[in-house]
């Protein structure tokens, strides 16, 4: 699996997201993956997913 590093996330945003994930019984990693899947699925349903460079990058 690939790794993603997100820099310069505002502290308040990070803390609120962490609290939401905790309320839902999931880790921040799980919450971020859920958000990514949702974004991809919305684009896919709209017919707007375009894979460039074989999906890498």
Protein backbone atom coordinates (compact mmCIF):
# COMPACT_ATOMS: atom_id res chain seq x y z
CA UNK A 1 0.00 0.00 0.00
CA UNK A 2 1.04 3.56 -0.62
CA UNK A 3 1.69 6.09 2.12
CA UNK A 4 0.47 9.68 2.08
CA UNK A 5 1.85 12.48 4.24
CA UNK A 6 -0.28 15.58 4.67
CA UNK A 7 1.60 18.60 5.97
CA UNK A 8 0.41 21.87 7.45
CA UNK A 9 -3.02 20.67 8.58
CA UNK A 10 -4.46 23.31 10.91
CA UNK A 11 -4.47 22.07 14.52
CA UNK A 12 -8.16 22.80 15.05
CA UNK A 13 -9.16 20.90 11.89
CA UNK A 14 -7.02 17.92 12.88
CA UNK A 15 -8.38 17.88 16.42
CA UNK A 16 -12.00 18.12 15.30
CA UNK A 17 -11.50 15.39 12.70
CA UNK A 18 -9.84 13.17 15.31
CA UNK A 19 -12.79 13.72 17.67
CA UNK A 20 -15.31 12.87 14.94
CA UNK A 21 -13.42 9.69 14.11
CA UNK A 22 -13.29 8.72 17.78
CA UNK A 23 -17.06 9.26 18.10
CA UNK A 24 -17.54 6.95 15.13
CA UNK A 25 -15.18 4.35 16.60
CA UNK A 26 -12.58 4.60 13.85
CA UNK A 27 -9.02 5.76 13.49
CA UNK A 28 -8.08 8.90 11.61
CA UNK A 29 -6.54 6.63 8.97
CA UNK A 30 -9.87 4.87 8.52
CA UNK A 31 -11.70 8.20 8.38
CA UNK A 32 -9.39 9.59 5.72
CA UNK A 33 -9.68 6.45 3.60
CA UNK A 34 -13.47 6.67 3.91
CA UNK A 35 -13.37 10.30 2.71
CA UNK A 36 -11.11 9.37 -0.22
CA UNK A 37 -13.37 6.48 -1.24
CA UNK A 38 -16.41 8.74 -1.07
CA UNK A 39 -14.76 11.38 -3.26
CA UNK A 40 -13.73 8.79 -5.84
CA UNK A 41 -17.16 7.17 -5.85
CA UNK A 42 -18.92 10.53 -6.38
CA UNK A 43 -16.67 11.29 -9.35
CA UNK A 44 -17.09 7.76 -10.71
CA UNK A 45 -20.89 8.00 -10.56
CA UNK A 46 -20.69 11.34 -12.36
CA UNK A 47 -18.49 9.72 -15.02
CA UNK A 48 -15.61 12.03 -14.18
CA UNK A 49 -12.89 9.65 -12.99
CA UNK A 50 -9.85 9.74 -15.21
CA UNK A 51 -6.81 7.66 -14.35
CA UNK A 52 -3.57 9.26 -15.46
CA UNK A 53 -0.19 7.50 -15.50
CA UNK A 54 -1.69 4.12 -14.64
CA UNK A 55 -3.03 5.44 -11.35
CA UNK A 56 0.41 6.22 -9.95
CA UNK A 57 1.60 9.59 -8.84
